[in-house]
Amino acid sequence: LAEHGFLVGVSIDGPRAMHDAYRVDKGG
């Protein structure tokens, strides 16, 4: 991504507890 100049958007909802409230994997 760096070599080819991609702009990357990263989804993150804040500090750990706030992020993990709803952003979970297939196993929860």
PDB file of all heavy atoms in Angstrom:
ATOM      1  N   LEU A   1       0.828  -1.212   0.000  1.00  0.00           N
ATOM      2  CA  LEU A   1       0.000   0.000   0.000  1.00  0.00           C
ATOM      3  C   LEU A   1       0.857   1.254   0.000  1.00  0.00           C
ATOM      4  O   LEU A   1       0.524   2.250  -0.661  1.00  0.00           O
ATOM      5  CB  LEU A   1      -0.933  -0.023   1.211  1.00  0.00           C
ATOM      6  CG  LEU A   1      -1.968  -1.159   1.226  1.00  0.00           C
ATOM      7  CD1 LEU A   1      -2.631  -1.253   2.598  1.00  0.00           C
ATOM      8  CD2 LEU A   1      -3.014  -0.964   0.139  1.00  0.00           C
ATOM      9  N   ALA A   2       1.968   1.217   0.733  1.00  0.00           N
ATOM     10  CA  ALA A   2       2.871   2.364   0.775  1.00  0.00           C
ATOM     11  C   ALA A   2       3.549   2.576  -0.577  1.00  0.00           C
ATOM     12  O   ALA A   2       3.630   3.709  -1.081  1.00  0.00           O
ATOM     13  CB  ALA A   2       3.918   2.164   1.863  1.00  0.00           C
ATOM     14  N   GLU A   3       4.030   1.489  -1.170  1.00  0.00           N
ATOM     15  CA  GLU A   3       4.740   1.595  -2.454  1.00  0.00           C
ATOM     16  C   GLU A   3       3.870   2.221  -3.525  1.00  0.00           C
ATOM     17  O   GLU A   3       4.355   2.990  -4.377  1.00  0.00           O
ATOM     18  CB  GLU A   3       5.196   0.207  -2.898  1.00  0.00           C
ATOM     19  CG  GLU A   3       5.915   0.202  -4.244  1.00  0.00           C
ATOM     20  CD  GLU A   3       6.307  -1.191  -4.716  1.00  0.00           C
ATOM     21  OE1 GLU A   3       6.054  -2.172  -3.978  1.00  0.00           O
ATOM     22  OE2 GLU A   3       6.865  -1.296  -5.835  1.00  0.00           O
ATOM     23  N   HIS A   4       2.577   1.930  -3.486  1.00  0.00           N
ATOM     24  CA  HIS A   4       1.695   2.379  -4.561  1.00  0.00           C
ATOM     25  C   HIS A   4       0.785   3.539  -4.156  1.00  0.00           C
ATOM     26  O   HIS A   4      -0.145   3.879  -4.890  1.00  0.00           O
ATOM     27  CB  HIS A   4       0.874   1.197  -5.064  1.00  0.00           C
ATOM     28  CG  HIS A   4       1.740   0.101  -5.626  1.00  0.00           C
ATOM     29  ND1 HIS A   4       2.434   0.228  -6.805  1.00  0.00           N
ATOM     30  CD2 HIS A   4       2.062  -1.134  -5.127  1.00  0.00           C
ATOM     31  CE1 HIS A   4       3.123  -0.877  -7.037  1.00  0.00           C
ATOM     32  NE2 HIS A   4       2.920  -1.716  -6.041  1.00  0.00           N
ATOM     33  N   GLY A   5       1.066   4.140  -3.019  1.00  0.00           N
ATOM     34  CA  GLY A   5       0.401   5.380  -2.649  1.00  0.00           C
ATOM     35  C   GLY A   5      -1.072   5.276  -2.341  1.00  0.00           C
ATOM     36  O   GLY A   5      -1.833   6.225  -2.569  1.00  0.00           O
ATOM     37  N   PHE A   6      -1.518   4.140  -1.819  1.00  0.00           N
ATOM     38  CA  PHE A   6      -2.924   3.995  -1.437  1.00  0.00           C
ATOM     39  C   PHE A   6      -3.236   4.867  -0.225  1.00  0.00           C
ATOM     40  O   PHE A   6      -2.433   4.968   0.708  1.00  0.00           O
ATOM     41  CB  PHE A   6      -3.238   2.538  -1.076  1.00  0.00           C
ATOM     42  CG  PHE A   6      -3.571   1.653  -2.230  1.00  0.00           C
ATOM     43  CD1 PHE A   6      -2.587   1.261  -3.128  1.00  0.00           C
ATOM     44  CD2 PHE A   6      -4.870   1.204  -2.431  1.00  0.00           C
ATOM     45  CE1 PHE A   6      -2.884   0.423  -4.202  1.00  0.00           C
ATOM     46  CE2 PHE A   6      -5.186   0.367  -3.498  1.00  0.00           C
ATOM     47  CZ  PHE A   6      -4.184  -0.018  -4.388  1.00  0.00           C
ATOM     48  N   LEU A   7      -4.402   5.492  -0.244  1.00  0.00           N
ATOM     49  CA  LEU A   7      -4.954   6.146   0.939  1.00  0.00           C
ATOM     50  C   LEU A   7      -5.864   5.135   1.622  1.00  0.00           C
ATOM     51  O   LEU A   7      -6.782   4.602   0.990  1.00  0.00           O
ATOM     52  CB  LEU A   7      -5.749   7.390   0.549  1.00  0.00           C
ATOM     53  CG  LEU A   7      -6.567   8.057   1.659  1.00  0.00           C
ATOM     54  CD1 LEU A   7      -5.666   8.561   2.775  1.00  0.00           C
ATOM     55  CD2 LEU A   7      -7.417   9.197   1.097  1.00  0.00           C
ATOM     56  N   VAL A   8      -5.617   4.878   2.897  1.00  0.00           N
ATOM     57  CA  VAL A   8      -6.319   3.808   3.601  1.00  0.00           C
ATOM     58  C   VAL A   8      -7.185   4.390   4.716  1.00  0.00           C
ATOM     59  O   VAL A   8      -6.687   5.127   5.575  1.00  0.00           O
ATOM     60  CB  VAL A   8      -5.329   2.788   4.184  1.00  0.00           C
ATOM     61  CG1 VAL A   8      -6.065   1.700   4.955  1.00  0.00           C
ATOM     62  CG2 VAL A   8      -4.498   2.165   3.050  1.00  0.00           C
ATOM     63  N   GLY A   9      -8.460   4.066   4.689  1.00  0.00           N
ATOM     64  CA  GLY A   9      -9.353   4.410   5.788  1.00  0.00           C
ATOM     65  C   GLY A   9      -9.435   3.243   6.753  1.00  0.00           C
ATOM     66  O   GLY A   9      -9.649   2.100   6.336  1.00  0.00           O
ATOM     67  N   VAL A  10      -9.236   3.513   8.023  1.00  0.00           N
ATOM     68  CA  VAL A  10      -9.263   2.477   9.058  1.00  0.00           C
ATOM     69  C   VAL A  10     -10.475   2.701   9.952  1.00  0.00           C
ATOM     70  O   VAL A  10     -10.662   3.788  10.500  1.00  0.00           O
ATOM     71  CB  VAL A  10      -7.974   2.492   9.900  1.00  0.00           C
ATOM     72  CG1 VAL A  10      -8.064   1.494  11.057  1.00  0.00           C
ATOM     73  CG2 VAL A  10      -6.762   2.181   9.027  1.00  0.00           C
ATOM     74  N   SER A  11     -11.283   1.670  10.101  1.00  0.00           N
ATOM     75  CA  SER A  11     -12.476   1.756  10.947  1.00  0.00           C
ATOM     76  C   SER A  11     -12.100   1.473  12.389  1.00  0.00           C
ATOM     77  O   SER A  11     -11.637   0.382  12.721  1.00  0.00           O
ATOM     78  CB  SER A  11     -13.531   0.747  10.473  1.00  0.00           C
ATOM     79  OG  SER A  11     -13.945   1.034   9.156  1.00  0.00           O
ATOM     80  N   ILE A  12     -12.290   2.462  13.255  1.00  0.00           N
ATOM     81  CA  ILE A  12     -12.002   2.297  14.677  1.00  0.00           C
ATOM     82  C   ILE A  12     -12.923   3.234  15.450  1.00  0.00           C
ATOM     83  O   ILE A  12     -13.087   4.402  15.077  1.00  0.00           O
ATOM     84  CB  ILE A  12     -10.522   2.566  14.999  1.00  0.00           C
ATOM     85  CG1 ILE A  12     -10.234   2.278  16.472  1.00  0.00           C
ATOM     86  CG2 ILE A  12     -10.096   3.975  14.594  1.00  0.00           C
ATOM     87  CD1 ILE A  12      -8.771   2.097  16.800  1.00  0.00           C
ATOM     88  N   ASP A  13     -13.524   2.743  16.503  1.00  0.00           N
ATOM     89  CA  ASP A  13     -14.581   3.493  17.188  1.00  0.00           C
ATOM     90  C   ASP A  13     -14.148   4.151  18.486  1.00  0.00           C
ATOM     91  O   ASP A  13     -14.997   4.588  19.265  1.00  0.00           O
ATOM     92  CB  ASP A  13     -15.778   2.575  17.457  1.00  0.00           C
ATOM     93  CG  ASP A  13     -16.611   2.337  16.203  1.00  0.00           C
ATOM     94  OD1 ASP A  13     -16.342   2.989  15.170  1.00  0.00           O
ATOM     95  OD2 ASP A  13     -17.531   1.500  16.254  1.00  0.00           O
ATOM     96  N   GLY A  14     -12.833   4.254  18.709  1.00  0.00           N
ATOM     97  CA  GLY A  14     -12.363   4.905  19.922  1.00  0.00           C
ATOM     98  C   GLY A  14     -11.506   3.981  20.753  1.00  0.00           C
ATOM     99  O   GLY A  14     -11.005   2.953  20.272  1.00  0.00           O
ATOM    100  N   PRO A  15     -11.290   4.316  22.039  1.00  0.00           N
ATOM    101  CA  PRO A  15     -10.525   3.448  22.924  1.00  0.00           C
ATOM    102  C   PRO A  15     -11.129   2.056  23.029  1.00  0.00           C
ATOM    103  O   PRO A  15     -12.266   1.817  22.599  1.00  0.00           O
ATOM    104  CB  PRO A  15     -10.589   4.193  24.265  1.00  0.00           C
ATOM    105  CG  PRO A  15     -10.866   5.615  23.911  1.00  0.00           C
ATOM    106  CD  PRO A  15     -11.730   5.561  22.688  1.00  0.00           C
ATOM    107  N   ARG A  16     -10.383   1.147  23.615  1.00  0.00           N
ATOM    108  CA  ARG A  16     -10.707  -0.277  23.592  1.00  0.00           C
ATOM    109  C   ARG A  16     -12.169  -0.588  23.913  1.00  0.00           C
ATOM    110  O   ARG A  16     -12.857  -1.271  23.142  1.00  0.00           O
ATOM    111  CB  ARG A  16      -9.802  -1.023  24.584  1.00  0.00           C
ATOM    112  CG  ARG A  16     -10.042  -2.542  24.614  1.00  0.00           C
ATOM    113  CD  ARG A  16      -9.208  -3.203  25.712  1.00  0.00           C
ATOM    114  NE  ARG A  16      -7.794  -2.995  25.508  1.00  0.00           N
ATOM    115  CZ  ARG A  16      -7.021  -3.764  24.737  1.00  0.00           C
ATOM    116  NH1 ARG A  16      -7.543  -4.802  24.097  1.00  0.00           N
ATOM    117  NH2 ARG A  16      -5.732  -3.506  24.621  1.00  0.00           N
ATOM    118  N   ALA A  17     -12.664  -0.138  25.056  1.00  0.00           N
ATOM    119  CA  ALA A  17     -14.017  -0.526  25.472  1.00  0.00           C
ATOM    120  C   ALA A  17     -15.070  -0.026  24.493  1.00  0.00           C
ATOM    121  O   ALA A  17     -16.046  -0.735  24.195  1.00  0.00           O
ATOM    122  CB  ALA A  17     -14.306  -0.001  26.874  1.00  0.00           C
ATOM    123  N   MET A  18     -14.885   1.180  23.972  1.00  0.00           N
ATOM    124  CA  MET A  18     -15.852   1.735  23.023  1.00  0.00           C
ATOM    125  C   MET A  18     -15.777   1.004  21.693  1.00  0.00           C
ATOM    126  O   MET A  18     -16.800   0.693  21.080  1.00  0.00           O
ATOM    127  CB  MET A  18     -15.597   3.227  22.835  1.00  0.00           C
ATOM    128  CG  MET A  18     -15.796   4.036  24.107  1.00  0.00           C
ATOM    129  SD  MET A  18     -15.473   5.790  23.822  1.00  0.00           S
ATOM    130  CE  MET A  18     -15.282   6.346  25.524  1.00  0.00           C
ATOM    131  N   HIS A  19     -14.575   0.734  21.225  1.00  0.00           N
ATOM    132  CA  HIS A  19     -14.404   0.027  19.958  1.00  0.00           C
ATOM    133  C   HIS A  19     -14.987  -1.380  20.026  1.00  0.00           C
ATOM    134  O   HIS A  19     -15.714  -1.814  19.123  1.00  0.00           O
ATOM    135  CB  HIS A  19     -12.921  -0.048  19.595  1.00  0.00           C
ATOM    136  CG  HIS A  19     -12.650  -0.844  18.363  1.00  0.00           C
ATOM    137  ND1 HIS A  19     -12.658  -0.291  17.100  1.00  0.00           N
ATOM    138  CD2 HIS A  19     -12.384  -2.165  18.188  1.00  0.00           C
ATOM    139  CE1 HIS A  19     -12.415  -1.236  16.208  1.00  0.00           C
ATOM    140  NE2 HIS A  19     -12.231  -2.388  16.843  1.00  0.00           N
ATOM    141  N   ASP A  20     -14.663  -2.091  21.100  1.00  0.00           N
ATOM    142  CA  ASP A  20     -15.073  -3.493  21.210  1.00  0.00           C
ATOM    143  C   ASP A  20     -16.542  -3.680  21.578  1.00  0.00           C
ATOM    144  O   ASP A  20     -17.037  -4.815  21.590  1.00  0.00           O
ATOM    145  CB  ASP A  20     -14.192  -4.225  22.232  1.00  0.00           C
ATOM    146  CG  ASP A  20     -12.796  -4.511  21.692  1.00  0.00           C
ATOM    147  OD1 ASP A  20     -12.636  -4.537  20.455  1.00  0.00           O
ATOM    148  OD2 ASP A  20     -11.875  -4.714  22.508  1.00  0.00           O
ATOM    149  N   ALA A  21     -17.230  -2.589  21.869  1.00  0.00           N
ATOM    150  CA  ALA A  21     -18.654  -2.713  22.221  1.00  0.00           C
ATOM    151  C   ALA A  21     -19.442  -3.371  21.095  1.00  0.00           C
ATOM    152  O   ALA A  21     -20.307  -4.218  21.349  1.00  0.00           O
ATOM    153  CB  ALA A  21     -19.228  -1.333  22.551  1.00  0.00           C
ATOM    154  N   TYR A  22     -19.146  -3.005  19.856  1.00  0.00           N
ATOM    155  CA  TYR A  22     -19.905  -3.527  18.719  1.00  0.00           C
ATOM    156  C   TYR A  22     -19.036  -4.097  17.600  1.00  0.00           C
ATOM    157  O   TYR A  22     -19.545  -4.837  16.750  1.00  0.00           O
ATOM    158  CB  TYR A  22     -20.804  -2.430  18.132  1.00  0.00           C
ATOM    159  CG  TYR A  22     -21.811  -1.892  19.110  1.00  0.00           C
ATOM    160  CD1 TYR A  22     -21.894  -0.520  19.365  1.00  0.00           C
ATOM    161  CD2 TYR A  22     -22.680  -2.735  19.796  1.00  0.00           C
ATOM    162  CE1 TYR A  22     -22.827  -0.014  20.273  1.00  0.00           C
ATOM    163  CE2 TYR A  22     -23.604  -2.247  20.705  1.00  0.00           C
ATOM    164  CZ  TYR A  22     -23.673  -0.884  20.936  1.00  0.00           C
ATOM    165  OH  TYR A  22     -24.588  -0.394  21.834  1.00  0.00           O
ATOM    166  N   ARG A  23     -17.752  -3.762  17.580  1.00  0.00           N
ATOM    167  CA  ARG A  23     -16.881  -4.222  16.494  1.00  0.00           C
ATOM    168  C   ARG A  23     -16.224  -5.540  16.895  1.00  0.00           C
ATOM    169  O   ARG A  23     -15.110  -5.562  17.427  1.00  0.00           O
ATOM    170  CB  ARG A  23     -15.848  -3.160  16.128  1.00  0.00           C
ATOM    171  CG  ARG A  23     -16.488  -1.875  15.591  1.00  0.00           C
ATOM    172  CD  ARG A  23     -15.478  -0.967  14.924  1.00  0.00           C
ATOM    173  NE  ARG A  23     -14.908  -1.579  13.728  1.00  0.00           N
ATOM    174  CZ  ARG A  23     -15.493  -1.615  12.533  1.00  0.00           C
ATOM    175  NH1 ARG A  23     -16.692  -1.056  12.361  1.00  0.00           N
ATOM    176  NH2 ARG A  23     -14.899  -2.196  11.516  1.00  0.00           N
ATOM    177  N   VAL A  24     -16.922  -6.620  16.616  1.00  0.00           N
ATOM    178  CA  VAL A  24     -16.478  -7.961  17.027  1.00  0.00           C
ATOM    179  C   VAL A  24     -16.338  -8.850  15.784  1.00  0.00           C
ATOM    180  O   VAL A  24     -16.832  -8.533  14.704  1.00  0.00           O
ATOM    181  CB  VAL A  24     -17.478  -8.602  18.013  1.00  0.00           C
ATOM    182  CG1 VAL A  24     -17.532  -7.796  19.302  1.00  0.00           C
ATOM    183  CG2 VAL A  24     -18.874  -8.694  17.386  1.00  0.00           C
ATOM    184  N   ASP A  25     -15.662 -10.002  15.965  1.00  0.00           N
ATOM    185  CA  ASP A  25     -15.489 -10.925  14.846  1.00  0.00           C
ATOM    186  C   ASP A  25     -16.648 -11.917  14.781  1.00  0.00           C
ATOM    187  O   ASP A  25     -17.622 -11.814  15.542  1.00  0.00           O
ATOM    188  CB  ASP A  25     -14.132 -11.621  14.928  1.00  0.00           C
ATOM    189  CG  ASP A  25     -13.989 -12.526  16.149  1.00  0.00           C
ATOM    190  OD1 ASP A  25     -15.012 -12.884  16.787  1.00  0.00           O
ATOM    191  OD2 ASP A  25     -12.839 -12.902  16.473  1.00  0.00           O
ATOM    192  N   LYS A  26     -16.535 -12.891  13.898  1.00  0.00           N
ATOM    193  CA  LYS A  26     -17.616 -13.850  13.697  1.00  0.00           C
ATOM    194  C   LYS A  26     -17.888 -14.691  14.942  1.00  0.00           C
ATOM    195  O   LYS A  26     -18.984 -15.222  15.111  1.00  0.00           O
ATOM    196  CB  LYS A  26     -17.289 -14.775  12.518  1.00  0.00           C
ATOM    197  CG  LYS A  26     -17.123 -14.070  11.184  1.00  0.00           C
ATOM    198  CD  LYS A  26     -18.416 -13.443  10.694  1.00  0.00           C
ATOM    199  CE  LYS A  26     -18.250 -12.889   9.291  1.00  0.00           C
ATOM    200  NZ  LYS A  26     -19.467 -12.194   8.811  1.00  0.00           N
ATOM    201  N   GLY A  27     -16.898 -14.796  15.820  1.00  0.00           N
ATOM    202  CA  GLY A  27     -17.081 -15.533  17.063  1.00  0.00           C
ATOM    203  C   GLY A  27     -17.499 -14.657  18.222  1.00  0.00           C
ATOM    204  O   GLY A  27     -17.558 -15.115  19.364  1.00  0.00           O
ATOM    205  N   GLY A  28     -17.768 -13.367  17.942  1.00  0.00           N
ATOM    206  CA  GLY A  28     -18.168 -12.436  18.988  1.00  0.00           C
ATOM    207  C   GLY A  28     -17.009 -11.913  19.818  1.00  0.00           C
ATOM    208  O   GLY A  28     -17.222 -11.276  20.853  1.00  0.00           O
TER     209      GLY A  28
END
